[in-house]
Amino acid sequence: MNNKGYCLVFEGRAVSGFDRREVIEQLSRRLGRDPESIGRLFCDKPVTVRKGLDREKAFDQQEVFTRMGVCCRVEPPETPEASDSEGGSASSCTRCPKCGNDLTKFVTPVEECPYCGIIISKYLKKRQQSVVRA
């Protein structure tokens, strides 16, 4: 089995028994990011935070984050058949069509932009309709 390509997926919530605000503060200090940007990740939606990890590193990082109170999981590498079956849909965008943020760090296709909150397929459909009418 392939030892590379594991992903660390943040579940969007704190581990049961941990105070959400304290987890956000600790995580922001650890990552050197402001608490507000870290707090936006706590929306009860999974977000892939690291990809392309080897198995050992993925599980080590999961353990570190879990001890800090961050609920996360490790996902194994995708099989080539699974990635070939996905067509060129709106969810395969590399950048959000509205805010322009990079979506390539999310291993699974993103239907809703985690940064600005738009539903990408709906946004693209409306934009296409407005171009056709013009």
Protein backbone atom coordinates (compact mmCIF):
# COMPACT_ATOMS: atom_id res chain seq x y z
CA MET A 1 0.00 0.00 0.00
CA ASN A 2 1.15 3.55 -0.78
CA ASN A 3 2.75 5.20 2.26
CA LYS A 4 2.41 8.76 0.88
CA GLY A 5 -0.68 10.80 0.18
CA TYR A 6 -2.40 10.63 3.55
CA CYS A 7 -4.54 13.63 4.50
CA LEU A 8 -5.22 15.26 7.84
CA VAL A 9 -8.85 16.38 7.95
CA PHE A 10 -10.05 18.84 10.58
CA GLU A 11 -13.60 18.01 11.62
CA GLY A 12 -14.56 21.64 12.29
CA ARG A 13 -15.06 21.19 16.03
CA ALA A 14 -13.26 20.77 19.32
CA VAL A 15 -12.88 17.40 21.00
CA SER A 16 -15.66 16.72 23.50
CA GLY A 17 -14.67 18.04 26.92
CA PHE A 18 -12.42 20.82 25.58
CA ASP A 19 -13.40 24.50 25.66
CA ARG A 20 -13.75 25.73 22.07
CA ARG A 21 -12.31 29.20 22.81
CA GLU A 22 -9.26 27.75 24.57
CA VAL A 23 -8.66 25.33 21.69
CA ILE A 24 -8.82 28.21 19.19
CA GLU A 25 -6.39 30.29 21.26
CA GLN A 26 -3.93 27.41 21.65
CA LEU A 27 -4.15 26.51 17.96
CA SER A 28 -3.64 30.12 16.86
CA ARG A 29 -0.51 30.39 19.03
CA ARG A 30 0.82 27.07 17.75
CA LEU A 31 0.24 27.94 14.08
CA GLY A 32 1.10 31.64 14.36
CA ARG A 33 -2.28 32.71 12.97
CA ASP A 34 -4.83 35.11 14.42
CA PRO A 35 -7.63 33.53 16.50
CA GLU A 36 -10.31 34.93 14.17
CA SER A 37 -9.01 33.04 11.12
CA ILE A 38 -8.63 29.85 13.17
CA GLY A 39 -12.13 30.33 14.61
CA ARG A 40 -13.61 30.29 11.09
CA LEU A 41 -12.50 26.69 10.75
CA PHE A 42 -14.75 25.71 13.67
CA CYS A 43 -17.91 25.50 11.59
CA ASP A 44 -18.71 21.77 12.02
CA LYS A 45 -17.63 21.08 8.44
CA PRO A 46 -14.62 18.93 7.54
CA VAL A 47 -11.63 20.76 6.06
CA THR A 48 -8.49 19.08 4.78
CA VAL A 49 -5.62 20.91 6.46
CA ARG A 50 -2.68 18.80 5.25
CA LYS A 51 -2.27 16.43 2.33
CA GLY A 52 0.48 14.34 0.82
CA LEU A 53 1.72 13.17 4.22
CA ASP A 54 3.32 9.81 4.83
CA ARG A 55 1.31 7.54 7.12
CA GLU A 56 3.49 7.98 10.22
CA LYS A 57 3.58 11.78 9.99
CA ALA A 58 -0.19 11.97 9.42
CA PHE A 59 -0.96 9.96 12.55
CA ASP A 60 1.66 11.86 14.57
CA GLN A 61 0.07 15.18 13.60
CA GLN A 62 -3.39 13.83 14.37
CA GLU A 63 -2.20 12.91 17.86
CA VAL A 64 -0.69 16.38 18.44
CA PHE A 65 -3.86 18.16 17.33
CA THR A 66 -6.09 15.81 19.33
CA ARG A 67 -4.09 16.52 22.50
CA MET A 68 -4.73 20.24 21.87
CA GLY A 69 -8.46 19.51 21.62
CA VAL A 70 -8.82 19.64 17.84
CA CYS A 71 -11.07 16.93 16.42
CA CYS A 72 -9.39 15.56 13.28
CA ARG A 73 -8.99 12.35 11.31
CA VAL A 74 -6.51 10.79 8.91
CA GLU A 75 -7.71 9.75 5.46
CA PRO A 76 -5.75 7.22 3.40
CA PRO A 77 -4.48 8.05 -0.10
CA GLU A 78 -7.04 8.07 -2.88
CA THR A 79 -7.00 5.23 -5.33
CA PRO A 80 -6.35 6.27 -8.95
CA GLU A 81 -9.78 4.95 -10.00
CA ALA A 82 -11.56 7.29 -7.56
CA SER A 83 -9.83 10.40 -8.85
CA ASP A 84 -10.35 9.43 -12.53
CA SER A 85 -14.11 9.05 -12.07
CA GLU A 86 -14.59 12.68 -11.13
CA GLY A 87 -15.39 14.88 -14.08
CA GLY A 88 -14.64 18.56 -14.56
CA SER A 89 -17.44 19.79 -12.32
CA ALA A 90 -17.67 23.03 -10.39
CA SER A 91 -16.30 21.19 -7.36
CA SER A 92 -12.99 20.67 -9.19
CA CYS A 93 -12.18 24.40 -9.14
CA THR A 94 -8.70 25.21 -7.90
CA ARG A 95 -9.72 28.71 -6.77
CA CYS A 96 -13.00 30.05 -5.45
CA PRO A 97 -14.66 31.89 -8.35
CA LYS A 98 -15.90 34.63 -5.99
CA CYS A 99 -13.12 35.33 -3.46
CA GLY A 100 -10.20 33.73 -5.32
CA ASN A 101 -8.90 31.72 -2.37
CA ASP A 102 -6.91 28.56 -3.10
CA LEU A 103 -9.04 25.41 -2.84
CA THR A 104 -6.31 22.92 -3.82
CA LYS A 105 -5.37 22.22 -0.21
CA PHE A 106 -8.72 20.47 0.25
CA VAL A 107 -8.32 16.92 -0.99
CA THR A 108 -12.00 16.20 -1.34
CA PRO A 109 -13.97 18.31 -3.81
CA VAL A 110 -15.30 21.47 -2.22
CA GLU A 111 -18.95 22.31 -2.90
CA GLU A 112 -19.03 25.33 -0.57
CA CYS A 113 -16.13 27.77 -0.27
CA PRO A 114 -14.88 27.59 3.33
CA TYR A 115 -13.67 31.20 3.07
CA CYS A 116 -16.63 33.17 1.71
CA GLY A 117 -19.41 30.56 2.05
CA ILE A 118 -20.75 30.50 -1.51
CA ILE A 119 -22.07 27.30 -3.08
CA ILE A 120 -19.67 27.10 -6.01
CA SER A 121 -21.96 25.31 -8.47
CA LYS A 122 -24.80 27.81 -7.86
CA TYR A 123 -22.43 30.77 -8.18
CA LEU A 124 -21.01 29.46 -11.48
CA LYS A 125 -24.50 28.74 -12.82
CA LYS A 126 -25.70 32.28 -12.02
CA ARG A 127 -22.56 33.78 -13.52
CA GLN A 128 -23.02 31.69 -16.69
CA GLN A 129 -26.67 32.80 -16.97
CA SER A 130 -25.70 36.48 -16.63
CA VAL A 131 -23.05 36.10 -19.36
CA VAL A 132 -25.56 34.43 -21.72
CA ARG A 133 -28.11 37.24 -21.20
CA ALA A 134 -25.55 40.00 -21.83
